[in-house]
């Protein structure tokens, strides 16, 4: 009987250790760290079929960005369909815990670094564009501040699309700076589409932004 009891205790300890190790590794990936924070920090509501990507800073293809925190990115289901108005339509939510300078100049540099790095990211394809082709250029202009924003900007960028078309692409942006967590965190929301602001794709992006909520 003592031998059986010892065996049962050993099996329980083994199961506990295995479970603990599994959980430890599962919740230490950048995406899971972001997900654990996201559940409590803010709320984003998107239309059906929109997909989600999570990551933490620094970003692997743009390590020079001066941000600490994590990102929640939402993609239209038609993001990869060049014949749809929501081609390349997506929205970025950056939860930033440090205090970087945010203005027209720094945001333009952010867009340039981000999209240059994204275009140069190695995806294992035989075609590799030149550095000159992949160098993004961006312009950011401060506009009338939206409700709930600290500051609001419009922007444009000339980039190289290394994901779908493998060709130059012009993007438009709406950028929102929002204070959360009693001023200890900043959220940068970036709405993105190659379409002009009058296109219906922007109504969808604007609606997502308008439903954003800090949870504390």
Protein backbone atom coordinates (compact mmCIF):
# COMPACT_ATOMS: atom_id res chain seq x y z
CA UNK A 1 0.00 0.00 0.00
CA UNK A 2 2.84 2.38 0.87
CA UNK A 3 4.45 1.63 -2.48
CA UNK A 4 1.18 2.41 -4.29
CA UNK A 5 0.76 5.70 -2.37
CA UNK A 6 4.31 6.75 -3.21
CA UNK A 7 3.68 5.95 -6.88
CA UNK A 8 0.50 8.06 -6.92
CA UNK A 9 2.28 11.01 -5.29
CA UNK A 10 5.12 10.73 -7.82
CA UNK A 11 2.68 10.73 -10.73
CA UNK A 12 0.87 13.79 -9.36
CA UNK A 13 4.14 15.68 -8.92
CA UNK A 14 5.23 14.71 -12.43
CA UNK A 15 1.94 15.91 -13.92
CA UNK A 16 2.15 19.18 -11.97
CA UNK A 17 5.73 19.79 -13.09
CA UNK A 18 4.88 19.04 -16.74
CA UNK A 19 1.86 21.33 -16.66
CA UNK A 20 3.80 24.11 -14.97
CA UNK A 21 6.63 23.87 -17.51
CA UNK A 22 4.20 23.84 -20.41
CA UNK A 23 2.38 26.93 -19.15
CA UNK A 24 5.66 28.71 -18.49
CA UNK A 25 6.86 28.23 -22.06
CA UNK A 26 3.46 28.91 -23.61
CA UNK A 27 3.06 32.30 -21.95
CA UNK A 28 6.53 33.59 -22.65
CA UNK A 29 6.20 34.14 -26.40
CA UNK A 30 5.88 37.81 -27.46
CA UNK A 31 2.36 37.22 -28.76
CA UNK A 32 1.20 35.66 -25.50
CA UNK A 33 2.79 38.41 -23.42
CA UNK A 34 0.90 40.93 -25.57
CA UNK A 35 -2.32 38.92 -25.31
CA UNK A 36 -2.12 38.70 -21.52
CA UNK A 37 -1.73 42.50 -21.30
CA UNK A 38 -4.28 43.23 -23.99
CA UNK A 39 -7.05 41.42 -22.15
CA UNK A 40 -6.92 44.02 -19.37
CA UNK A 41 -5.52 47.19 -20.99
CA UNK A 42 -7.98 48.10 -23.75
CA UNK A 43 -10.88 46.95 -25.89
CA UNK A 44 -10.98 46.80 -29.69
CA UNK A 45 -14.11 45.83 -31.64
CA UNK A 46 -13.80 44.88 -35.32
CA UNK A 47 -16.24 43.63 -37.98
CA UNK A 48 -16.65 39.86 -38.48
CA UNK A 49 -13.76 37.95 -40.09
CA UNK A 50 -11.11 40.56 -39.27
CA UNK A 51 -7.94 38.85 -38.06
CA UNK A 52 -5.52 39.73 -35.29
CA UNK A 53 -1.74 39.80 -34.91
CA UNK A 54 0.09 40.48 -31.63
CA UNK A 55 3.70 41.35 -30.97
CA UNK A 56 5.91 43.14 -28.48
CA UNK A 57 8.55 45.81 -28.95
CA UNK A 58 11.22 45.76 -30.22
CA UNK A 59 9.84 44.59 -33.59
CA UNK A 60 12.15 42.14 -35.33
CA UNK A 61 12.27 44.11 -38.59
CA UNK A 62 12.32 47.61 -37.05
CA UNK A 63 14.28 47.37 -33.81
CA UNK A 64 15.19 51.08 -33.93
CA UNK A 65 11.66 52.23 -33.15
CA UNK A 66 11.83 54.09 -29.81
CA UNK A 67 8.89 52.33 -28.17
CA UNK A 68 8.39 49.92 -25.29
CA UNK A 69 5.19 47.94 -24.95
CA UNK A 70 3.19 45.78 -27.33
CA UNK A 71 0.93 45.87 -30.38
CA UNK A 72 -2.48 44.62 -31.40
CA UNK A 73 -2.95 44.68 -35.19
CA UNK A 74 -6.30 44.04 -36.92
CA UNK A 75 -6.52 43.10 -40.62
CA UNK A 76 -9.46 43.30 -43.00
CA UNK A 77 -10.37 39.90 -44.48
CA UNK A 78 -9.78 41.57 -47.88
CA UNK A 79 -6.33 42.87 -46.92
CA UNK A 80 -4.67 40.66 -49.55
CA UNK A 81 -7.23 41.21 -52.32
CA UNK A 82 -5.98 43.94 -54.67
CA UNK A 83 -9.39 44.17 -56.37
CA UNK A 84 -11.23 45.00 -53.13
CA UNK A 85 -11.56 48.46 -51.56
CA UNK A 86 -10.13 47.03 -48.32
CA UNK A 87 -6.90 45.91 -49.97
CA UNK A 88 -4.09 46.70 -47.49
CA UNK A 89 -6.68 48.01 -44.99
CA UNK A 90 -5.68 47.40 -41.41
CA UNK A 91 -5.40 49.11 -38.04
CA UNK A 92 -2.51 49.15 -35.57
CA UNK A 93 -2.88 49.70 -31.81
CA UNK A 94 0.43 50.33 -30.04
CA UNK A 95 0.35 50.30 -26.23
CA UNK A 96 3.44 52.31 -25.27
CA UNK A 97 4.77 52.32 -21.72
CA UNK A 98 7.77 54.64 -22.09
CA UNK A 99 7.68 58.35 -22.94
CA UNK A 100 8.90 58.85 -26.51
CA UNK A 101 8.52 62.18 -28.27
CA UNK A 102 5.48 62.03 -30.54
CA UNK A 103 5.12 64.69 -33.24
CA UNK A 104 5.07 65.06 -37.03
CA UNK A 105 8.81 64.46 -37.39
CA UNK A 106 9.08 61.43 -35.11
CA UNK A 107 5.95 59.79 -36.56
CA UNK A 108 7.28 60.26 -40.11
CA UNK A 109 10.52 58.58 -39.05
CA UNK A 110 8.53 55.78 -37.42
CA UNK A 111 6.58 55.10 -40.62
CA UNK A 112 9.76 55.17 -42.70
CA UNK A 113 11.62 52.80 -40.40
CA UNK A 114 8.63 50.47 -40.05
CA UNK A 115 7.84 50.11 -43.75
CA UNK A 116 11.44 50.01 -44.88
CA UNK A 117 12.09 47.18 -42.43
CA UNK A 118 8.88 45.40 -43.40
CA UNK A 119 9.79 45.51 -47.11
CA UNK A 120 13.29 44.18 -46.40
CA UNK A 121 12.12 41.37 -44.12
CA UNK A 122 13.39 38.02 -45.38
CA UNK A 123 10.40 35.88 -46.36
CA UNK A 124 12.41 33.13 -48.05
CA UNK A 125 11.46 34.21 -51.56
CA UNK A 126 13.96 34.24 -54.45
CA UNK A 127 13.03 37.80 -55.44
CA UNK A 128 14.78 40.43 -53.34
CA UNK A 129 14.18 44.14 -54.06
CA UNK A 130 17.04 46.60 -53.85
CA UNK A 131 17.64 48.87 -50.86
CA UNK A 132 16.65 51.86 -53.01
CA UNK A 133 13.32 50.24 -53.91
CA UNK A 134 12.46 49.38 -50.32
CA UNK A 135 13.35 52.74 -48.76
CA UNK A 136 10.04 54.16 -47.51
CA UNK A 137 9.28 57.87 -47.56
CA UNK A 138 6.60 59.38 -45.32
CA UNK A 139 4.99 62.73 -44.61
CA UNK A 140 2.93 63.45 -41.49
CA UNK A 141 0.69 66.47 -40.90
CA UNK A 142 -1.02 67.41 -37.66
CA UNK A 143 -4.77 67.98 -38.14
CA UNK A 144 -7.77 68.93 -36.02
CA UNK A 145 -7.73 66.79 -32.89
CA UNK A 146 -10.38 64.06 -32.79
CA UNK A 147 -12.50 63.55 -29.70
CA UNK A 148 -10.59 61.54 -27.05
CA UNK A 149 -7.23 62.12 -28.79
CA UNK A 150 -4.27 64.01 -27.40
CA UNK A 151 -3.28 64.72 -31.00
CA UNK A 152 -4.40 63.59 -34.45
CA UNK A 153 -2.40 63.34 -37.67
CA UNK A 154 -2.88 62.48 -41.32
CA UNK A 155 0.00 60.90 -43.18
CA UNK A 156 1.06 59.40 -46.46
CA UNK A 157 3.91 57.06 -47.34
CA UNK A 158 5.48 55.63 -50.46
CA UNK A 159 6.52 52.06 -49.67
CA UNK A 160 7.44 48.80 -51.36
CA UNK A 161 4.82 46.07 -50.92
CA UNK A 162 6.87 42.98 -50.15
CA UNK A 163 3.80 40.98 -49.07
CA UNK A 164 1.34 40.90 -51.96
CA UNK A 165 2.02 42.92 -55.12
CA UNK A 166 5.84 43.08 -54.90
CA UNK A 167 5.63 46.59 -56.28
CA UNK A 168 5.66 50.19 -55.02
CA UNK A 169 2.55 51.20 -53.09
CA UNK A 170 1.24 54.53 -51.75
CA UNK A 171 -0.51 54.39 -48.39
CA UNK A 172 -2.62 56.90 -46.48
CA UNK A 173 -2.87 57.02 -42.69
CA UNK A 174 -4.84 58.50 -39.83
CA UNK A 175 -2.79 58.50 -36.63
CA UNK A 176 -4.25 59.04 -33.16
CA UNK A 177 -2.37 59.64 -29.91
CA UNK A 178 -4.44 58.65 -26.86
CA UNK A 179 -3.63 58.66 -23.14
CA UNK A 180 -4.52 55.54 -21.11
CA UNK A 181 -3.90 54.05 -17.68
CA UNK A 182 -4.18 57.42 -15.90
CA UNK A 183 -1.54 58.90 -18.16
CA UNK A 184 1.09 56.21 -17.61
CA UNK A 185 0.58 54.66 -21.05
CA UNK A 186 0.12 56.08 -24.53
CA UNK A 187 -1.81 54.36 -27.28
CA UNK A 188 -0.95 55.15 -30.88
CA UNK A 189 -3.71 54.06 -33.25
CA UNK A 190 -2.74 53.93 -36.92
CA UNK A 191 -5.45 53.50 -39.54
CA UNK A 192 -4.03 52.37 -42.90
CA UNK A 193 -5.34 52.14 -46.45
CA UNK A 194 -4.07 52.99 -49.94
CA UNK A 195 -7.48 54.48 -50.73
CA UNK A 196 -8.35 58.17 -50.61
CA UNK A 197 -10.08 59.34 -47.42
CA UNK A 198 -13.43 59.56 -49.24
CA UNK A 199 -13.45 55.79 -49.88
CA UNK A 200 -15.79 53.55 -47.85
CA UNK A 201 -12.80 51.61 -46.50
CA UNK A 202 -12.12 54.57 -44.21
CA UNK A 203 -15.61 54.38 -42.74
CA UNK A 204 -14.80 50.88 -41.49
CA UNK A 205 -11.42 51.95 -40.12
CA UNK A 206 -12.91 55.04 -38.45
CA UNK A 207 -15.64 52.94 -36.84
CA UNK A 208 -13.06 50.61 -35.33
CA UNK A 209 -11.14 53.56 -33.92
CA UNK A 210 -14.29 55.17 -32.52
CA UNK A 211 -15.07 52.00 -30.53
CA UNK A 212 -11.62 51.78 -28.98
CA UNK A 213 -11.73 51.97 -25.17
CA UNK A 214 -9.06 52.15 -22.49
CA UNK A 215 -9.98 49.72 -19.73
CA UNK A 216 -8.20 51.66 -16.99
